[in-house]
Amino acid sequence: MIRKLIGAAIGASVAKKHPAAGGATGVVLATAVPFIISRVSLPAMVALGVGGYVAKRIMDKNTAEQATKPTPPTAPVQQ
C-alpha cells in the first residue's frame, strides 16, 4: 500500500514539473515505482537516494554559479 502511495506521489510530481510529458508519464511512473521498490534491496535504495541527493546538489550549485557569473560587455555597434 505504501509503495503505491509513493509511486502516485512521484508520478504526480513528474506530471506537474514536466507538463509536456503529460499525465501518461506520471501514470507509467506511478505504475513502475511499486514494482521497482519491491525488487530493489534496501542498500540499493539508500545508494540511489544518496546519489540523487548529491546529483541535485551539484546541479543546483552549477545553476547558481551560472546565475552569478557576470556577462562580458559587448562592443558597441558602429554604423
Protein backbone atom coordinates (compact mmCIF):
# COMPACT_ATOMS: atom_id res chain seq x y z
CA MET A 1 0.00 0.00 0.00
CA ILE A 2 2.76 2.43 0.92
CA ARG A 3 4.60 1.57 -2.30
CA LYS A 4 1.56 2.55 -4.35
CA LEU A 5 1.25 5.86 -2.49
CA ILE A 6 4.92 6.62 -3.09
CA GLY A 7 4.51 5.77 -6.77
CA ALA A 8 1.46 8.01 -7.06
CA ALA A 9 3.31 10.90 -5.39
CA ILE A 10 6.29 10.54 -7.73
CA GLY A 11 4.03 10.29 -10.78
CA ALA A 12 2.08 13.40 -9.78
CA SER A 13 5.31 15.31 -9.14
CA VAL A 14 6.71 14.45 -12.56
CA ALA A 15 3.44 15.34 -14.28
CA LYS A 16 3.41 18.76 -12.57
CA LYS A 17 7.05 19.60 -13.30
CA HIS A 18 7.00 18.47 -16.92
CA PRO A 19 3.64 19.29 -18.50
CA ALA A 20 4.96 18.37 -21.95
CA ALA A 21 5.31 14.78 -20.76
CA GLY A 22 1.67 14.87 -19.72
CA GLY A 23 -0.24 12.55 -17.48
CA ALA A 24 0.87 9.43 -19.34
CA THR A 25 4.41 9.69 -17.99
CA GLY A 26 3.09 10.18 -14.49
CA VAL A 27 0.87 7.13 -14.81
CA VAL A 28 3.74 5.00 -16.09
CA LEU A 29 5.96 6.09 -13.20
CA ALA A 30 3.17 5.55 -10.68
CA THR A 31 2.79 2.02 -12.03
CA ALA A 32 6.52 1.24 -12.25
CA VAL A 33 7.70 2.59 -8.90
CA PRO A 34 5.95 -0.02 -6.69
CA PHE A 35 7.40 -2.80 -8.87
CA ILE A 36 10.90 -1.32 -8.63
CA ILE A 37 10.63 -0.77 -4.88
CA SER A 38 9.63 -4.39 -4.34
CA ARG A 39 12.60 -5.69 -6.39
CA VAL A 40 15.43 -3.44 -5.17
CA SER A 41 17.23 -4.12 -1.90
CA LEU A 42 17.35 -1.58 0.91
CA PRO A 43 21.07 -0.75 0.47
CA ALA A 44 20.49 -0.14 -3.23
CA MET A 45 17.56 2.19 -2.46
CA VAL A 46 19.70 4.12 0.02
CA ALA A 47 22.50 4.37 -2.53
CA LEU A 48 20.07 5.65 -5.18
CA GLY A 49 18.66 8.20 -2.77
CA VAL A 50 22.09 9.47 -1.74
CA GLY A 51 23.23 9.57 -5.36
CA GLY A 52 20.15 11.54 -6.37
CA TYR A 53 20.68 13.98 -3.50
CA VAL A 54 24.33 14.54 -4.45
CA ALA A 55 23.45 14.99 -8.13
CA LYS A 56 20.77 17.56 -7.25
CA ARG A 57 23.19 19.48 -5.04
CA ILE A 58 25.77 19.58 -7.85
CA MET A 59 23.19 20.73 -10.40
CA ASP A 60 21.90 23.44 -8.04
CA LYS A 61 25.46 24.63 -7.39
CA ASN A 62 26.22 24.81 -11.13
CA THR A 63 22.98 26.71 -11.77
CA ALA A 64 23.79 29.20 -9.00
CA GLU A 65 27.30 29.72 -10.38
CA GLN A 66 25.95 30.39 -13.86
CA ALA A 67 23.40 32.86 -12.50
CA THR A 68 26.06 34.86 -10.64
CA LYS A 69 28.61 34.79 -13.46
CA PRO A 70 28.90 38.29 -14.95
CA THR A 71 28.19 38.62 -18.61
CA PRO A 72 31.02 40.01 -20.72
CA PRO A 73 30.48 43.54 -22.03
CA THR A 74 29.53 43.78 -25.66
CA ALA A 75 31.32 46.02 -28.09
CA PRO A 76 29.29 49.00 -29.35
CA VAL A 77 27.89 48.55 -32.82
CA GLN A 78 29.27 51.04 -35.32
CA GLN A 79 27.18 52.13 -38.26
